[in-house]
Amino acid sequence: MPSEKSQSASVSALDRFCRQILCAIDTDDASTDAATRAMMHGSTHGVDSHGIRLLAHYVKAFNGGRLNKNPMLKIRQVRPGTLVLEADNAQGAVATFAAVDHASKTAKETGIAAVSIQNTSHFGPAGAFAKAGADAGMITMVFGNSDSFVRLFDGAEPFHGTNPISVAVPSGQHNPWLLDMATSSVPFNRVELHRSLGRNLPSDVASDHTGTATTDPFATEMLAPLGGADFGFKGAALGGVADIFSAVLSGMKVSPDIAPMAGPNFRQAREMGAFVIVIDPAAFIAASLVQAGMIHYLTQLRGSKPRAGQQVMAPGDREWATAEQRRKDGIPLDPITVSNFTELSETYNVPAPWADDR
């Protein structure tokens, strides 16, 4: 195993390791591909909390029976632009990539299409799916929810999940405009990452068991809504938006009713929902005008005067820069992920991903 200072592996080696492990536990091809794509999007673009560190969790959920290793997805069209996807307790990325694909095809005919996803599960980085729609030329919005871990504004108990929202817009350039955000101040996987790295959390993003702010990841019992002490009502409301779209419109469980992601029960499905909206920009004005408008907007944005020593960036710019660097230098692995991968490597007789980098 590499030394503590060199705990990293190449993008290709990590992609291969994830696929080999998922194949070793007999997940079907679609589940292996979708879960790996989503995790690698996270880790490649610097969203480490929702990247390959989730592999060990997914293995536990597949082997425990929470996730269906061979799901039979069913899509039902309700009205010309609305569909319902029954995910059959698939790993969340399987269902969400499929929903984006179906919505994109439908939107070419209807202009706007939406897919409500039933009986899905944790899908990882929401931006992976929004970007997939944007790469297909569509404006794409993705909503998800999760089990309660975020207090309400002035609340002292968990209520919403981290409930992500992602929006991606084709930019007329190689990469889209991409918003990918939790509606909590940070995602809970960021707390786990800080525990692994032995680092304190930023101020005003997490709370102890009384709802009091703490920077100690080990004392964290709940997260603060986006906006913190003064403006957390905004994040709490956005968490509600994600819950309404992903759970109420799918007939699935709202955050307080979802079984904890961390278990201990890995046998029972979590009955989660998600929601995808896809818009064909050419359904409004000519595609060439939309493209010219986005290029003009982003040129103006990136050319806006920055504060001293800073750089103005569009949503997604930081991720594109991180991805370029990591494709060149590799992806860093936190100590818990290294430990989990070592165990997976030994259990399933799959070479550790850093073995390729020696």
Protein backbone atom coordinates (compact mmCIF):
# COMPACT_ATOMS: atom_id res chain seq x y z
CA MET A 1 0.00 0.00 0.00
CA PRO A 2 1.32 3.48 -0.74
CA SER A 3 2.63 5.72 1.99
CA GLU A 4 0.30 8.22 3.66
CA LYS A 5 1.70 11.02 1.49
CA SER A 6 1.01 9.15 -1.76
CA GLN A 7 -2.49 7.82 -1.13
CA SER A 8 -3.91 8.43 -4.55
CA ALA A 9 -4.73 6.51 -7.69
CA SER A 10 -5.33 7.33 -11.32
CA VAL A 11 -8.80 7.97 -12.69
CA SER A 12 -8.60 4.91 -14.92
CA ALA A 13 -7.41 2.63 -12.10
CA LEU A 14 -10.21 3.74 -9.78
CA ASP A 15 -12.81 3.36 -12.51
CA ARG A 16 -11.58 -0.15 -13.19
CA PHE A 17 -11.46 -1.05 -9.47
CA CYS A 18 -15.05 0.07 -8.88
CA ARG A 19 -16.29 -1.93 -11.86
CA GLN A 20 -14.34 -5.04 -10.85
CA ILE A 21 -15.65 -4.94 -7.28
CA LEU A 22 -19.25 -4.44 -8.36
CA CYS A 23 -18.92 -7.25 -10.89
CA ALA A 24 -17.43 -9.47 -8.16
CA ILE A 25 -20.60 -9.14 -6.09
CA ASP A 26 -22.75 -10.00 -9.12
CA THR A 27 -24.40 -6.68 -9.87
CA ASP A 28 -25.72 -6.48 -13.40
CA ASP A 29 -23.98 -4.49 -16.11
CA ALA A 30 -26.34 -1.50 -15.88
CA SER A 31 -25.88 -1.18 -12.10
CA THR A 32 -22.12 -1.55 -12.35
CA ASP A 33 -21.85 1.06 -15.07
CA ALA A 34 -24.23 3.63 -13.58
CA ALA A 35 -22.88 3.43 -10.03
CA THR A 36 -19.30 3.71 -11.28
CA ARG A 37 -20.11 6.63 -13.59
CA ALA A 38 -21.73 8.56 -10.77
CA MET A 39 -18.97 7.87 -8.24
CA MET A 40 -16.24 8.72 -10.73
CA HIS A 41 -17.99 11.98 -11.63
CA GLY A 42 -17.85 12.92 -7.96
CA SER A 43 -14.22 12.00 -7.38
CA THR A 44 -12.93 13.32 -10.70
CA HIS A 45 -14.58 16.71 -10.21
CA GLY A 46 -13.59 17.13 -6.57
CA VAL A 47 -16.91 16.14 -4.99
CA ASP A 48 -15.06 13.62 -2.84
CA SER A 49 -17.89 13.29 -0.34
CA HIS A 50 -20.02 11.68 -3.08
CA GLY A 51 -17.31 9.89 -5.02
CA ILE A 52 -15.56 6.54 -4.84
CA ARG A 53 -15.53 6.60 -1.04
CA LEU A 54 -19.16 5.40 -1.38
CA LEU A 55 -18.10 2.11 -2.99
CA ALA A 56 -17.85 0.18 0.29
CA HIS A 57 -21.27 1.45 1.34
CA TYR A 58 -22.86 0.37 -1.94
CA VAL A 59 -21.26 -3.08 -1.66
CA LYS A 60 -22.77 -3.46 1.82
CA ALA A 61 -26.18 -2.31 0.56
CA PHE A 62 -26.10 -4.64 -2.46
CA ASN A 63 -24.97 -7.63 -0.41
CA GLY A 64 -27.45 -6.90 2.35
CA GLY A 65 -30.37 -6.82 -0.07
CA ARG A 66 -31.27 -3.14 0.30
CA LEU A 67 -30.26 -2.62 -3.32
CA ASN A 68 -31.43 -4.86 -6.15
CA LYS A 69 -28.47 -6.27 -8.08
CA ASN A 70 -30.65 -6.98 -11.13
CA PRO A 71 -33.44 -4.38 -11.17
CA MET A 72 -36.17 -4.31 -13.79
CA LEU A 73 -36.86 -0.65 -14.48
CA LYS A 74 -40.31 0.19 -15.85
CA ILE A 75 -41.26 3.51 -17.44
CA ARG A 76 -44.88 4.67 -17.74
CA GLN A 77 -45.99 7.73 -19.67
CA VAL A 78 -48.85 9.52 -17.88
CA ARG A 79 -49.25 12.56 -20.16
CA PRO A 80 -47.28 13.69 -23.21
CA GLY A 81 -44.49 15.26 -21.13
CA THR A 82 -44.76 13.38 -17.83
CA LEU A 83 -43.45 9.95 -16.98
CA VAL A 84 -43.11 7.70 -13.92
CA LEU A 85 -40.12 5.39 -13.59
CA GLU A 86 -40.45 2.42 -11.23
CA ALA A 87 -36.86 1.65 -10.22
CA ASP A 88 -37.37 -1.73 -8.52
CA ASN A 89 -35.03 -0.75 -5.66
CA ALA A 90 -32.13 -0.13 -8.02
CA GLN A 91 -28.99 1.68 -6.95
CA GLY A 92 -29.95 5.33 -7.36
CA ALA A 93 -27.65 6.18 -10.24
CA VAL A 94 -29.19 3.43 -12.39
CA ALA A 95 -32.64 4.96 -12.08
CA THR A 96 -31.57 8.58 -12.41
CA PHE A 97 -29.41 8.15 -15.51
CA ALA A 98 -32.31 6.20 -17.06
CA ALA A 99 -34.76 8.97 -16.12
CA VAL A 100 -32.56 11.63 -17.73
CA ASP A 101 -32.30 9.53 -20.89
CA HIS A 102 -36.06 8.97 -21.12
CA ALA A 103 -36.81 12.62 -20.35
CA SER A 104 -34.33 13.84 -22.96
CA LYS A 105 -35.91 11.69 -25.66
CA THR A 106 -39.40 12.83 -24.68
CA ALA A 107 -38.43 16.51 -24.54
CA LYS A 108 -37.35 16.39 -28.16
CA GLU A 109 -41.05 15.90 -28.95
CA THR A 110 -42.77 17.81 -26.13
CA GLY A 111 -40.23 20.57 -25.38
CA ILE A 112 -40.33 19.86 -21.65
CA ALA A 113 -40.43 16.47 -19.95
CA ALA A 114 -40.39 15.37 -16.32
CA VAL A 115 -39.81 11.95 -14.76
CA SER A 116 -40.87 11.01 -11.27
CA ILE A 117 -38.76 8.13 -9.92
CA GLN A 118 -40.21 5.60 -7.48
CA ASN A 119 -38.44 3.04 -5.27
CA THR A 120 -34.94 4.31 -5.88
CA SER A 121 -32.07 4.87 -3.45
CA HIS A 122 -29.07 7.10 -2.75
CA PHE A 123 -27.80 8.28 -6.13
CA GLY A 124 -24.51 10.01 -5.25
CA PRO A 125 -23.64 13.36 -6.87
CA ALA A 126 -26.73 14.95 -8.41
CA GLY A 127 -24.50 16.85 -10.83
CA ALA A 128 -23.56 13.62 -12.61
CA PHE A 129 -27.12 13.29 -13.91
CA ALA A 130 -27.73 16.95 -14.67
CA LYS A 131 -24.48 17.02 -16.64
CA ALA A 132 -25.53 13.92 -18.58
CA GLY A 133 -28.65 15.77 -19.73
CA ALA A 134 -26.70 18.90 -20.61
CA ASP A 135 -24.21 16.80 -22.59
CA ALA A 136 -27.22 15.63 -24.61
CA GLY A 137 -28.10 19.28 -25.32
CA MET A 138 -30.81 19.63 -22.69
CA ILE A 139 -31.30 21.96 -19.73
CA THR A 140 -31.63 19.47 -16.89
CA MET A 141 -32.79 19.71 -13.28
CA VAL A 142 -32.42 16.93 -10.72
CA PHE A 143 -33.93 16.73 -7.23
CA GLY A 144 -33.31 14.13 -4.53
CA ASN A 145 -33.90 13.64 -0.84
CA SER A 146 -32.42 11.51 1.92
CA ASP A 147 -32.97 10.53 5.54
CA SER A 148 -33.20 13.28 8.15
CA PHE A 149 -29.90 14.83 9.11
CA VAL A 150 -30.45 18.56 8.68
CA ARG A 151 -32.19 20.66 11.32
CA LEU A 152 -34.70 23.29 10.36
CA PHE A 153 -33.93 26.99 10.82
CA ASP A 154 -33.89 27.44 14.62
CA GLY A 155 -34.65 23.71 14.91
CA ALA A 156 -33.01 21.36 17.39
CA GLU A 157 -33.60 17.99 15.71
CA PRO A 158 -32.94 16.55 12.25
CA PHE A 159 -35.77 16.99 9.75
CA HIS A 160 -34.73 17.26 6.08
CA GLY A 161 -32.03 15.22 4.45
CA THR A 162 -29.18 16.95 2.67
CA ASN A 163 -31.64 17.00 -0.26
CA PRO A 164 -29.57 17.92 -3.33
CA ILE A 165 -30.58 20.10 -6.25
CA SER A 166 -28.64 20.21 -9.51
CA VAL A 167 -29.18 22.25 -12.67
CA ALA A 168 -27.09 22.00 -15.83
CA VAL A 169 -27.33 24.15 -18.95
CA PRO A 170 -25.49 23.58 -22.25
CA SER A 171 -23.07 26.46 -22.57
CA GLY A 172 -22.08 26.35 -26.22
CA GLN A 173 -18.65 25.30 -24.95
CA HIS A 174 -17.12 21.98 -23.90
CA ASN A 175 -18.52 22.05 -20.35
CA PRO A 176 -22.00 23.13 -19.28
CA TRP A 177 -23.03 25.66 -16.66
CA LEU A 178 -23.48 23.35 -13.67
CA LEU A 179 -25.02 23.94 -10.26
CA ASP A 180 -24.72 20.97 -7.89
CA MET A 181 -25.61 21.74 -4.29
CA ALA A 182 -26.82 20.21 -1.08
CA THR A 183 -29.50 22.25 0.66
CA SER A 184 -27.62 21.73 3.91
CA SER A 185 -24.52 23.83 4.58
CA VAL A 186 -22.45 20.73 3.74
CA PRO A 187 -23.41 17.13 2.89
CA PHE A 188 -23.10 14.55 5.65
CA ASN A 189 -20.53 12.64 3.63
CA ARG A 190 -18.36 15.75 4.06
CA VAL A 191 -18.55 15.22 7.84
CA GLU A 192 -17.44 11.61 7.36
CA LEU A 193 -14.59 12.79 5.13
CA HIS A 194 -13.43 15.24 7.82
CA ARG A 195 -13.60 12.46 10.40
CA SER A 196 -11.37 10.36 8.19
CA LEU A 197 -8.93 13.22 7.64
CA GLY A 198 -8.97 14.37 11.27
CA ARG A 199 -9.98 17.91 10.31
CA ASN A 200 -12.40 20.33 11.95
CA LEU A 201 -15.45 21.46 10.02
CA PRO A 202 -15.99 25.08 8.96
CA SER A 203 -17.97 27.27 11.34
CA ASP A 204 -21.75 27.19 11.39
CA VAL A 205 -22.31 24.13 9.18
CA ALA A 206 -22.95 21.44 11.79
CA SER A 207 -24.65 21.04 15.17
CA ASP A 208 -24.34 18.77 18.19
CA HIS A 209 -27.22 16.82 19.75
CA THR A 210 -28.76 20.02 21.16
CA GLY A 211 -28.72 21.89 17.85
CA THR A 212 -25.76 24.02 18.97
CA ALA A 213 -23.11 24.80 16.35
CA THR A 214 -19.94 22.69 16.46
CA THR A 215 -16.83 22.34 14.30
CA ASP A 216 -16.02 18.88 15.71
CA PRO A 217 -17.00 16.25 13.11
CA PHE A 218 -17.18 13.60 15.83
CA ALA A 219 -19.63 15.69 17.88
CA THR A 220 -21.82 16.37 14.86
CA GLU A 221 -25.32 14.96 15.25
CA MET A 222 -27.03 17.06 12.60
CA LEU A 223 -26.22 19.60 9.89
CA ALA A 224 -27.25 23.23 9.61
CA PRO A 225 -29.38 24.31 6.65
CA LEU A 226 -27.67 26.31 3.94
CA GLY A 227 -27.38 29.94 5.04
CA GLY A 228 -26.30 29.29 8.60
CA ALA A 229 -27.38 31.13 11.72
CA ASP A 230 -28.77 34.22 9.99
CA PHE A 231 -30.15 32.97 6.70
CA GLY A 232 -30.72 29.24 7.24
CA PHE A 233 -34.42 29.69 6.53
CA LYS A 234 -33.44 29.83 2.85
CA GLY A 235 -31.67 26.46 2.95
CA ALA A 236 -34.48 24.92 4.98
CA ALA A 237 -37.01 26.05 2.37
CA LEU A 238 -34.85 24.69 -0.47
CA GLY A 239 -34.63 21.38 1.39
CA GLY A 240 -38.42 21.39 1.34
CA VAL A 241 -38.42 22.03 -2.42
CA ALA A 242 -36.25 18.94 -2.94
CA ASP A 243 -38.47 16.86 -0.64
CA ILE A 244 -41.65 17.95 -2.44
CA PHE A 245 -40.31 17.21 -5.91
CA SER A 246 -38.53 13.96 -5.09
CA ALA A 247 -40.94 12.45 -2.54
CA VAL A 248 -44.38 14.07 -2.71
CA LEU A 249 -44.54 13.95 -6.53
CA SER A 250 -43.37 10.33 -6.56
CA GLY A 251 -45.51 9.04 -3.68
CA MET A 252 -42.34 8.00 -1.85
CA LYS A 253 -41.07 8.79 1.64
CA VAL A 254 -40.26 12.31 2.80
CA SER A 255 -36.99 12.74 4.66
CA PRO A 256 -38.19 12.06 8.25
CA ASP A 257 -39.66 8.71 7.13
CA ILE A 258 -36.60 7.33 5.29
CA ALA A 259 -34.52 4.68 7.03
CA PRO A 260 -30.96 5.84 7.85
CA MET A 261 -28.45 5.46 5.05
CA ALA A 262 -25.85 4.20 7.53
CA GLY A 263 -28.03 1.33 8.71
CA PRO A 264 -27.98 -0.84 10.73
CA ASN A 265 -30.68 -2.39 8.54
CA PHE A 266 -29.21 -3.17 5.11
CA ARG A 267 -31.87 -5.73 4.21
CA GLN A 268 -34.86 -3.46 3.71
CA ALA A 269 -35.31 -1.08 0.77
CA ARG A 270 -35.55 2.61 1.69
CA GLU A 271 -38.47 3.50 -0.65
CA MET A 272 -36.96 6.75 -1.86
CA GLY A 273 -37.96 8.98 -4.76
CA ALA A 274 -36.22 11.42 -7.07
CA PHE A 275 -37.29 13.81 -9.83
CA VAL A 276 -35.84 14.91 -13.17
CA ILE A 277 -36.95 17.80 -15.39
CA VAL A 278 -35.52 18.20 -18.89
CA ILE A 279 -36.04 21.18 -21.19
CA ASP A 280 -35.09 21.33 -24.86
CA PRO A 281 -33.83 24.92 -25.28
CA ALA A 282 -34.72 24.81 -28.96
CA ALA A 283 -38.40 24.51 -27.98
CA PHE A 284 -38.40 28.24 -27.17
CA ILE A 285 -36.06 30.08 -29.51
CA ALA A 286 -33.61 28.90 -32.14
CA ALA A 287 -30.87 26.67 -30.74
CA SER A 288 -28.24 28.98 -32.23
CA LEU A 289 -29.67 31.92 -30.26
CA VAL A 290 -29.64 29.94 -27.02
CA GLN A 291 -26.03 28.97 -27.60
CA ALA A 292 -25.03 32.55 -28.44
CA GLY A 293 -26.87 33.80 -25.36
CA MET A 294 -25.07 31.37 -23.04
CA ILE A 295 -21.67 32.19 -24.53
CA HIS A 296 -22.35 35.92 -24.11
CA TYR A 297 -23.62 35.45 -20.54
CA LEU A 298 -20.64 33.36 -19.46
CA THR A 299 -18.17 35.71 -21.14
CA GLN A 300 -19.68 38.61 -19.22
CA LEU A 301 -19.73 36.61 -15.98
CA ARG A 302 -16.13 35.43 -16.15
CA GLY A 303 -15.02 38.89 -17.19
CA SER A 304 -16.66 40.54 -14.18
CA LYS A 305 -14.24 42.40 -11.92
CA PRO A 306 -13.04 40.15 -9.05
CA ARG A 307 -12.14 41.11 -5.52
CA ALA A 308 -8.41 41.53 -4.88
CA GLY A 309 -6.58 38.24 -5.25
CA GLN A 310 -9.71 36.32 -6.26
CA GLN A 311 -11.14 34.89 -9.48
CA VAL A 312 -14.74 35.05 -10.64
CA MET A 313 -16.01 31.64 -11.74
CA ALA A 314 -19.23 30.30 -13.18
CA PRO A 315 -20.91 27.33 -11.48
CA GLY A 316 -18.91 24.28 -12.55
CA ASP A 317 -15.64 26.10 -13.34
CA ARG A 318 -13.99 24.92 -10.13
CA GLU A 319 -15.03 21.33 -10.92
CA TRP A 320 -13.69 21.46 -14.50
CA ALA A 321 -10.32 22.71 -13.24
CA THR A 322 -10.19 20.00 -10.57
CA ALA A 323 -11.06 17.32 -13.12
CA GLU A 324 -8.28 18.44 -15.45
CA GLN A 325 -5.78 18.30 -12.60
CA ARG A 326 -6.94 14.93 -11.30
CA ARG A 327 -6.92 13.30 -14.72
CA LYS A 328 -3.28 14.33 -14.83
CA ASP A 329 -2.14 13.71 -11.24
CA GLY A 330 -4.63 11.19 -9.89
CA ILE A 331 -7.38 11.26 -7.27
CA PRO A 332 -6.45 11.56 -3.57
CA LEU A 333 -7.80 8.89 -1.22
CA ASP A 334 -8.62 9.61 2.40
CA PRO A 335 -7.45 7.07 5.05
CA ILE A 336 -10.86 5.43 5.58
CA THR A 337 -11.29 4.94 1.84
CA VAL A 338 -7.80 3.41 1.62
CA SER A 339 -8.72 1.04 4.46
CA ASN A 340 -12.05 0.13 2.84
CA PHE A 341 -10.45 -0.45 -0.55
CA THR A 342 -7.75 -2.63 1.01
CA GLU A 343 -10.45 -4.79 2.59
CA LEU A 344 -12.44 -4.96 -0.65
CA SER A 345 -9.30 -5.85 -2.57
CA GLU A 346 -8.50 -8.73 -0.22
CA THR A 347 -12.08 -9.97 0.07
CA TYR A 348 -12.77 -10.11 -3.66
CA ASN A 349 -9.23 -10.76 -4.92
CA VAL A 350 -9.15 -7.57 -6.98
CA PRO A 351 -5.86 -5.62 -7.20
CA ALA A 352 -5.95 -2.37 -5.24
CA PRO A 353 -6.24 0.67 -7.55
CA TRP A 354 -2.93 2.16 -6.37
CA ALA A 355 -1.12 -1.01 -7.52
CA ASP A 356 -1.23 0.41 -11.06
CA ASP A 357 0.56 3.56 -9.91
CA ARG A 358 3.63 2.02 -8.30
